[in-house]
Amino acid sequence: MRASNIRVRTAVVTWLVAYPIITFLLATLEPVVVGWPMPLRALLLSAIMVPIMVFWALPAATALFKEFLSP
């Protein structure tokens, strides 16, 4: 399998994991951050989301989609 196919598959899995987390965090944090400037809202969202993605969501997704991500 070509390296570009693996990158596309990795991007798809990452998006499948990131989208629901972003949506959940935006809905959950909205009452707290209403009226905040956009850069501060983005900072808070990313400060919560990145550790969730790196330490929990992406390792779980990698294990779950192991065969899909394999060359």
PDB file of N, CA and C in Angstrom:
ATOM      1  N   MET A   1       0.855  -1.183   0.000  1.00  0.00           N
ATOM      2  CA  MET A   1       0.000   0.000   0.000  1.00  0.00           C
ATOM      3  C   MET A   1       0.896   1.240   0.000  1.00  0.00           C
ATOM      4  N   ARG A   2       0.490   2.221  -0.742  1.00  0.00           N
ATOM      5  CA  ARG A   2       1.269   3.451  -0.824  1.00  0.00           C
ATOM      6  C   ARG A   2       1.176   4.239   0.470  1.00  0.00           C
ATOM      7  N   ALA A   3       2.223   4.990   0.766  1.00  0.00           N
ATOM      8  CA  ALA A   3       2.274   5.799   1.996  1.00  0.00           C
ATOM      9  C   ALA A   3       1.163   6.835   2.011  1.00  0.00           C
ATOM     10  N   SER A   4       0.790   7.354   0.847  1.00  0.00           N
ATOM     11  CA  SER A   4      -0.273   8.365   0.807  1.00  0.00           C
ATOM     12  C   SER A   4      -1.614   7.777   1.237  1.00  0.00           C
ATOM     13  N   ASN A   5      -1.859   6.497   0.920  1.00  0.00           N
ATOM     14  CA  ASN A   5      -3.094   5.850   1.362  1.00  0.00           C
ATOM     15  C   ASN A   5      -3.144   5.719   2.876  1.00  0.00           C
ATOM     16  N   ILE A   6      -2.018   5.412   3.481  1.00  0.00           N
ATOM     17  CA  ILE A   6      -1.956   5.288   4.932  1.00  0.00           C
ATOM     18  C   ILE A   6      -2.204   6.651   5.577  1.00  0.00           C
ATOM     19  N   ARG A   7      -1.648   7.692   4.995  1.00  0.00           N
ATOM     20  CA  ARG A   7      -1.872   9.040   5.529  1.00  0.00           C
ATOM     21  C   ARG A   7      -3.336   9.447   5.426  1.00  0.00           C
ATOM     22  N   VAL A   8      -3.966   9.112   4.326  1.00  0.00           N
ATOM     23  CA  VAL A   8      -5.387   9.429   4.165  1.00  0.00           C
ATOM     24  C   VAL A   8      -6.207   8.667   5.201  1.00  0.00           C
ATOM     25  N   ARG A   9      -5.914   7.404   5.393  1.00  0.00           N
ATOM     26  CA  ARG A   9      -6.633   6.606   6.387  1.00  0.00           C
ATOM     27  C   ARG A   9      -6.408   7.143   7.795  1.00  0.00           C
ATOM     28  N   THR A  10      -5.184   7.540   8.092  1.00  0.00           N
ATOM     29  CA  THR A  10      -4.886   8.121   9.400  1.00  0.00           C
ATOM     30  C   THR A  10      -5.649   9.424   9.588  1.00  0.00           C
ATOM     31  N   ALA A  11      -5.717  10.233   8.550  1.00  0.00           N
ATOM     32  CA  ALA A  11      -6.468  11.486   8.628  1.00  0.00           C
ATOM     33  C   ALA A  11      -7.953  11.229   8.854  1.00  0.00           C
ATOM     34  N   VAL A  12      -8.500  10.230   8.197  1.00  0.00           N
ATOM     35  CA  VAL A  12      -9.920   9.897   8.369  1.00  0.00           C
ATOM     36  C   VAL A  12     -10.198   9.452   9.795  1.00  0.00           C
ATOM     37  N   VAL A  13      -9.363   8.573  10.329  1.00  0.00           N
ATOM     38  CA  VAL A  13      -9.561   8.101  11.704  1.00  0.00           C
ATOM     39  C   VAL A  13      -9.413   9.263  12.687  1.00  0.00           C
ATOM     40  N   THR A  14      -8.422  10.111  12.468  1.00  0.00           N
ATOM     41  CA  THR A  14      -8.236  11.268  13.348  1.00  0.00           C
ATOM     42  C   THR A  14      -9.458  12.166  13.313  1.00  0.00           C
ATOM     43  N   TRP A  15      -9.995  12.416  12.140  1.00  0.00           N
ATOM     44  CA  TRP A  15     -11.193  13.250  12.026  1.00  0.00           C
ATOM     45  C   TRP A  15     -12.393  12.581  12.704  1.00  0.00           C
ATOM     46  N   LEU A  16     -12.533  11.280  12.536  1.00  0.00           N
ATOM     47  CA  LEU A  16     -13.643  10.566  13.174  1.00  0.00           C
ATOM     48  C   LEU A  16     -13.579  10.653  14.698  1.00  0.00           C
ATOM     49  N   VAL A  17     -12.379  10.781  15.233  1.00  0.00           N
ATOM     50  CA  VAL A  17     -12.198  10.911  16.679  1.00  0.00           C
ATOM     51  C   VAL A  17     -12.349  12.367  17.105  1.00  0.00           C
ATOM     52  N   ALA A  18     -11.765  13.283  16.342  1.00  0.00           N
ATOM     53  CA  ALA A  18     -11.743  14.695  16.733  1.00  0.00           C
ATOM     54  C   ALA A  18     -13.115  15.356  16.654  1.00  0.00           C
ATOM     55  N   TYR A  19     -13.876  15.059  15.611  1.00  0.00           N
ATOM     56  CA  TYR A  19     -15.158  15.745  15.410  1.00  0.00           C
ATOM     57  C   TYR A  19     -16.125  15.584  16.592  1.00  0.00           C
ATOM     58  N   PRO A  20     -16.376  14.380  17.077  1.00  0.00           N
ATOM     59  CA  PRO A  20     -17.301  14.270  18.206  1.00  0.00           C
ATOM     60  C   PRO A  20     -16.762  14.925  19.489  1.00  0.00           C
ATOM     61  N   ILE A  21     -15.448  14.878  19.672  1.00  0.00           N
ATOM     62  CA  ILE A  21     -14.871  15.507  20.862  1.00  0.00           C
ATOM     63  C   ILE A  21     -15.032  17.019  20.774  1.00  0.00           C
ATOM     64  N   ILE A  22     -14.744  17.594  19.617  1.00  0.00           N
ATOM     65  CA  ILE A  22     -14.918  19.040  19.438  1.00  0.00           C
ATOM     66  C   ILE A  22     -16.375  19.426  19.652  1.00  0.00           C
ATOM     67  N   THR A  23     -17.276  18.684  19.055  1.00  0.00           N
ATOM     68  CA  THR A  23     -18.704  18.987  19.179  1.00  0.00           C
ATOM     69  C   THR A  23     -19.156  18.914  20.631  1.00  0.00           C
ATOM     70  N   PHE A  24     -18.756  17.874  21.344  1.00  0.00           N
ATOM     71  CA  PHE A  24     -19.119  17.732  22.751  1.00  0.00           C
ATOM     72  C   PHE A  24     -18.549  18.875  23.591  1.00  0.00           C
ATOM     73  N   LEU A  25     -17.276  19.184  23.390  1.00  0.00           N
ATOM     74  CA  LEU A  25     -16.650  20.249  24.173  1.00  0.00           C
ATOM     75  C   LEU A  25     -17.277  21.610  23.882  1.00  0.00           C
ATOM     76  N   LEU A  26     -17.568  21.895  22.621  1.00  0.00           N
ATOM     77  CA  LEU A  26     -18.205  23.166  22.291  1.00  0.00           C
ATOM     78  C   LEU A  26     -19.565  23.289  22.976  1.00  0.00           C
ATOM     79  N   ALA A  27     -20.345  22.238  22.937  1.00  0.00           N
ATOM     80  CA  ALA A  27     -21.665  22.269  23.570  1.00  0.00           C
ATOM     81  C   ALA A  27     -21.554  22.377  25.089  1.00  0.00           C
ATOM     82  N   THR A  28     -20.584  21.694  25.666  1.00  0.00           N
ATOM     83  CA  THR A  28     -20.414  21.694  27.118  1.00  0.00           C
ATOM     84  C   THR A  28     -19.851  23.016  27.626  1.00  0.00           C
ATOM     85  N   LEU A  29     -18.905  23.561  26.893  1.00  0.00           N
ATOM     86  CA  LEU A  29     -18.239  24.777  27.352  1.00  0.00           C
ATOM     87  C   LEU A  29     -18.987  26.062  27.002  1.00  0.00           C
ATOM     88  N   GLU A  30     -19.950  25.984  26.108  1.00  0.00           N
ATOM     89  CA  GLU A  30     -20.645  27.188  25.644  1.00  0.00           C
ATOM     90  C   GLU A  30     -21.178  28.064  26.774  1.00  0.00           C
ATOM     91  N   PRO A  31     -21.858  27.502  27.780  1.00  0.00           N
ATOM     92  CA  PRO A  31     -22.368  28.378  28.845  1.00  0.00           C
ATOM     93  C   PRO A  31     -21.255  29.073  29.636  1.00  0.00           C
ATOM     94  N   VAL A  32     -20.101  28.445  29.694  1.00  0.00           N
ATOM     95  CA  VAL A  32     -18.986  29.003  30.470  1.00  0.00           C
ATOM     96  C   VAL A  32     -18.270  30.106  29.696  1.00  0.00           C
ATOM     97  N   VAL A  33     -18.108  29.919  28.391  1.00  0.00           N
ATOM     98  CA  VAL A  33     -17.273  30.819  27.602  1.00  0.00           C
ATOM     99  C   VAL A  33     -18.049  31.838  26.780  1.00  0.00           C
ATOM    100  N   VAL A  34     -19.350  31.893  26.951  1.00  0.00           N
ATOM    101  CA  VAL A  34     -20.138  32.863  26.192  1.00  0.00           C
ATOM    102  C   VAL A  34     -19.615  34.267  26.513  1.00  0.00           C
ATOM    103  N   GLY A  35     -19.374  35.021  25.485  1.00  0.00           N
ATOM    104  CA  GLY A  35     -18.855  36.364  25.661  1.00  0.00           C
ATOM    105  C   GLY A  35     -17.336  36.461  25.685  1.00  0.00           C
ATOM    106  N   TRP A  36     -16.653  35.316  25.752  1.00  0.00           N
ATOM    107  CA  TRP A  36     -15.183  35.334  25.726  1.00  0.00           C
ATOM    108  C   TRP A  36     -14.716  35.643  24.302  1.00  0.00           C
ATOM    109  N   PRO A  37     -13.577  36.280  24.162  1.00  0.00           N
ATOM    110  CA  PRO A  37     -13.012  36.457  22.810  1.00  0.00           C
ATOM    111  C   PRO A  37     -12.670  35.098  22.200  1.00  0.00           C
ATOM    112  N   MET A  38     -12.774  35.018  20.899  1.00  0.00           N
ATOM    113  CA  MET A  38     -12.528  33.758  20.190  1.00  0.00           C
ATOM    114  C   MET A  38     -11.171  33.138  20.522  1.00  0.00           C
ATOM    115  N   PRO A  39     -10.077  33.906  20.580  1.00  0.00           N
ATOM    116  CA  PRO A  39      -8.793  33.268  20.899  1.00  0.00           C
ATOM    117  C   PRO A  39      -8.788  32.579  22.270  1.00  0.00           C
ATOM    118  N   LEU A  40      -9.458  33.133  23.247  1.00  0.00           N
ATOM    119  CA  LEU A  40      -9.520  32.493  24.566  1.00  0.00           C
ATOM    120  C   LEU A  40     -10.377  31.233  24.538  1.00  0.00           C
ATOM    121  N   ARG A  41     -11.472  31.263  23.785  1.00  0.00           N
ATOM    122  CA  ARG A  41     -12.309  30.065  23.648  1.00  0.00           C
ATOM    123  C   ARG A  41     -11.523  28.949  22.960  1.00  0.00           C
ATOM    124  N   ALA A  42     -10.784  29.312  21.903  1.00  0.00           N
ATOM    125  CA  ALA A  42      -9.972  28.319  21.188  1.00  0.00           C
ATOM    126  C   ALA A  42      -8.863  27.777  22.083  1.00  0.00           C
ATOM    127  N   LEU A  43      -8.276  28.642  22.896  1.00  0.00           N
ATOM    128  CA  LEU A  43      -7.227  28.207  23.817  1.00  0.00           C
ATOM    129  C   LEU A  43      -7.763  27.196  24.817  1.00  0.00           C
ATOM    130  N   LEU A  44      -8.911  27.476  25.415  1.00  0.00           N
ATOM    131  CA  LEU A  44      -9.504  26.550  26.378  1.00  0.00           C
ATOM    132  C   LEU A  44      -9.886  25.237  25.703  1.00  0.00           C
ATOM    133  N   LEU A  45     -10.517  25.321  24.549  1.00  0.00           N
ATOM    134  CA  LEU A  45     -10.919  24.114  23.826  1.00  0.00           C
ATOM    135  C   LEU A  45      -9.703  23.243  23.512  1.00  0.00           C
ATOM    136  N   SER A  46      -8.649  23.855  22.994  1.00  0.00           N
ATOM    137  CA  SER A  46      -7.466  23.068  22.632  1.00  0.00           C
ATOM    138  C   SER A  46      -6.734  22.535  23.864  1.00  0.00           C
ATOM    139  N   ALA A  47      -6.740  23.289  24.959  1.00  0.00           N
ATOM    140  CA  ALA A  47      -6.084  22.821  26.185  1.00  0.00           C
ATOM    141  C   ALA A  47      -6.771  21.591  26.760  1.00  0.00           C
ATOM    142  N   ILE A  48      -8.048  21.457  26.514  1.00  0.00           N
ATOM    143  CA  ILE A  48      -8.786  20.278  26.980  1.00  0.00           C
ATOM    144  C   ILE A  48      -8.713  19.155  25.945  1.00  0.00           C
ATOM    145  N   MET A  49      -8.852  19.523  24.681  1.00  0.00           N
ATOM    146  CA  MET A  49      -8.969  18.524  23.632  1.00  0.00           C
ATOM    147  C   MET A  49      -7.660  17.792  23.339  1.00  0.00           C
ATOM    148  N   VAL A  50      -6.555  18.492  23.289  1.00  0.00           N
ATOM    149  CA  VAL A  50      -5.290  17.854  22.902  1.00  0.00           C
ATOM    150  C   VAL A  50      -4.908  16.721  23.851  1.00  0.00           C
ATOM    151  N   PRO A  51      -4.939  16.926  25.171  1.00  0.00           N
ATOM    152  CA  PRO A  51      -4.622  15.780  26.045  1.00  0.00           C
ATOM    153  C   PRO A  51      -5.603  14.611  25.889  1.00  0.00           C
ATOM    154  N   ILE A  52      -6.887  14.909  25.702  1.00  0.00           N
ATOM    155  CA  ILE A  52      -7.867  13.838  25.483  1.00  0.00           C
ATOM    156  C   ILE A  52      -7.499  13.050  24.230  1.00  0.00           C
ATOM    157  N   MET A  53      -7.167  13.755  23.166  1.00  0.00           N
ATOM    158  CA  MET A  53      -6.818  13.097  21.908  1.00  0.00           C
ATOM    159  C   MET A  53      -5.529  12.279  22.042  1.00  0.00           C
ATOM    160  N   VAL A  54      -4.497  12.879  22.627  1.00  0.00           N
ATOM    161  CA  VAL A  54      -3.179  12.240  22.661  1.00  0.00           C
ATOM    162  C   VAL A  54      -3.127  11.049  23.617  1.00  0.00           C
ATOM    163  N   PHE A  55      -3.731  11.197  24.787  1.00  0.00           N
ATOM    164  CA  PHE A  55      -3.575  10.166  25.813  1.00  0.00           C
ATOM    165  C   PHE A  55      -4.706   9.146  25.858  1.00  0.00           C
ATOM    166  N   TRP A  56      -5.852   9.441  25.251  1.00  0.00           N
ATOM    167  CA  TRP A  56      -6.971   8.512  25.345  1.00  0.00           C
ATOM    168  C   TRP A  56      -7.579   8.181  23.979  1.00  0.00           C
ATOM    169  N   ALA A  57      -8.075   9.182  23.288  1.00  0.00           N
ATOM    170  CA  ALA A  57      -8.884   8.927  22.091  1.00  0.00           C
ATOM    171  C   ALA A  57      -8.091   8.328  20.929  1.00  0.00           C
ATOM    172  N   LEU A  58      -6.959   8.904  20.591  1.00  0.00           N
ATOM    173  CA  LEU A  58      -6.202   8.377  19.454  1.00  0.00           C
ATOM    174  C   LEU A  58      -5.594   7.000  19.724  1.00  0.00           C
ATOM    175  N   PRO A  59      -5.050   6.749  20.916  1.00  0.00           N
ATOM    176  CA  PRO A  59      -4.598   5.367  21.158  1.00  0.00           C
ATOM    177  C   PRO A  59      -5.741   4.346  21.063  1.00  0.00           C
ATOM    178  N   ALA A  60      -6.903   4.704  21.574  1.00  0.00           N
ATOM    179  CA  ALA A  60      -8.046   3.796  21.481  1.00  0.00           C
ATOM    180  C   ALA A  60      -8.481   3.606  20.025  1.00  0.00           C
ATOM    181  N   ALA A  61      -8.511   4.684  19.263  1.00  0.00           N
ATOM    182  CA  ALA A  61      -8.905   4.590  17.851  1.00  0.00           C
ATOM    183  C   ALA A  61      -7.880   3.799  17.048  1.00  0.00           C
ATOM    184  N   THR A  62      -6.608   3.981  17.351  1.00  0.00           N
ATOM    185  CA  THR A  62      -5.558   3.230  16.655  1.00  0.00           C
ATOM    186  C   THR A  62      -5.722   1.736  16.905  1.00  0.00           C
ATOM    187  N   ALA A  63      -6.023   1.368  18.131  1.00  0.00           N
ATOM    188  CA  ALA A  63      -6.248  -0.054  18.432  1.00  0.00           C
ATOM    189  C   ALA A  63      -7.513  -0.564  17.746  1.00  0.00           C
ATOM    190  N   LEU A  64      -8.558   0.231  17.772  1.00  0.00           N
ATOM    191  CA  LEU A  64      -9.833  -0.166  17.183  1.00  0.00           C
ATOM    192  C   LEU A  64      -9.744  -0.317  15.657  1.00  0.00           C
ATOM    193  N   PHE A  65      -9.028   0.587  15.016  1.00  0.00           N
ATOM    194  CA  PHE A  65      -8.901   0.585  13.551  1.00  0.00           C
ATOM    195  C   PHE A  65      -7.556   0.028  13.089  1.00  0.00           C
ATOM    196  N   LYS A  66      -6.978  -0.860  13.881  1.00  0.00           N
ATOM    197  CA  LYS A  66      -5.639  -1.394  13.616  1.00  0.00           C
ATOM    198  C   LYS A  66      -5.514  -1.965  12.199  1.00  0.00           C
ATOM    199  N   GLU A  67      -6.447  -2.788  11.791  1.00  0.00           N
ATOM    200  CA  GLU A  67      -6.357  -3.400  10.468  1.00  0.00           C
ATOM    201  C   GLU A  67      -6.585  -2.383   9.359  1.00  0.00           C
ATOM    202  N   PHE A  68      -7.478  -1.432   9.571  1.00  0.00           N
ATOM    203  CA  PHE A  68      -7.741  -0.384   8.584  1.00  0.00           C
ATOM    204  C   PHE A  68      -6.502   0.482   8.383  1.00  0.00           C
ATOM    205  N   LEU A  69      -5.740   0.709   9.450  1.00  0.00           N
ATOM    206  CA  LEU A  69      -4.560   1.577   9.372  1.00  0.00           C
ATOM    207  C   LEU A  69      -3.291   0.835   8.965  1.00  0.00           C
ATOM    208  N   SER A  70      -3.336  -0.478   8.926  1.00  0.00           N
ATOM    209  CA  SER A  70      -2.155  -1.263   8.577  1.00  0.00           C
ATOM    210  C   SER A  70      -1.913  -1.227   7.063  1.00  0.00           C
ATOM    211  N   PRO A  71      -0.630  -1.218   6.689  1.00  0.00           N
ATOM    212  CA  PRO A  71      -0.323  -1.246   5.242  1.00  0.00           C
ATOM    213  C   PRO A  71      -0.647  -2.575   4.615  1.00  0.00           C
TER     214      PRO A  71
END
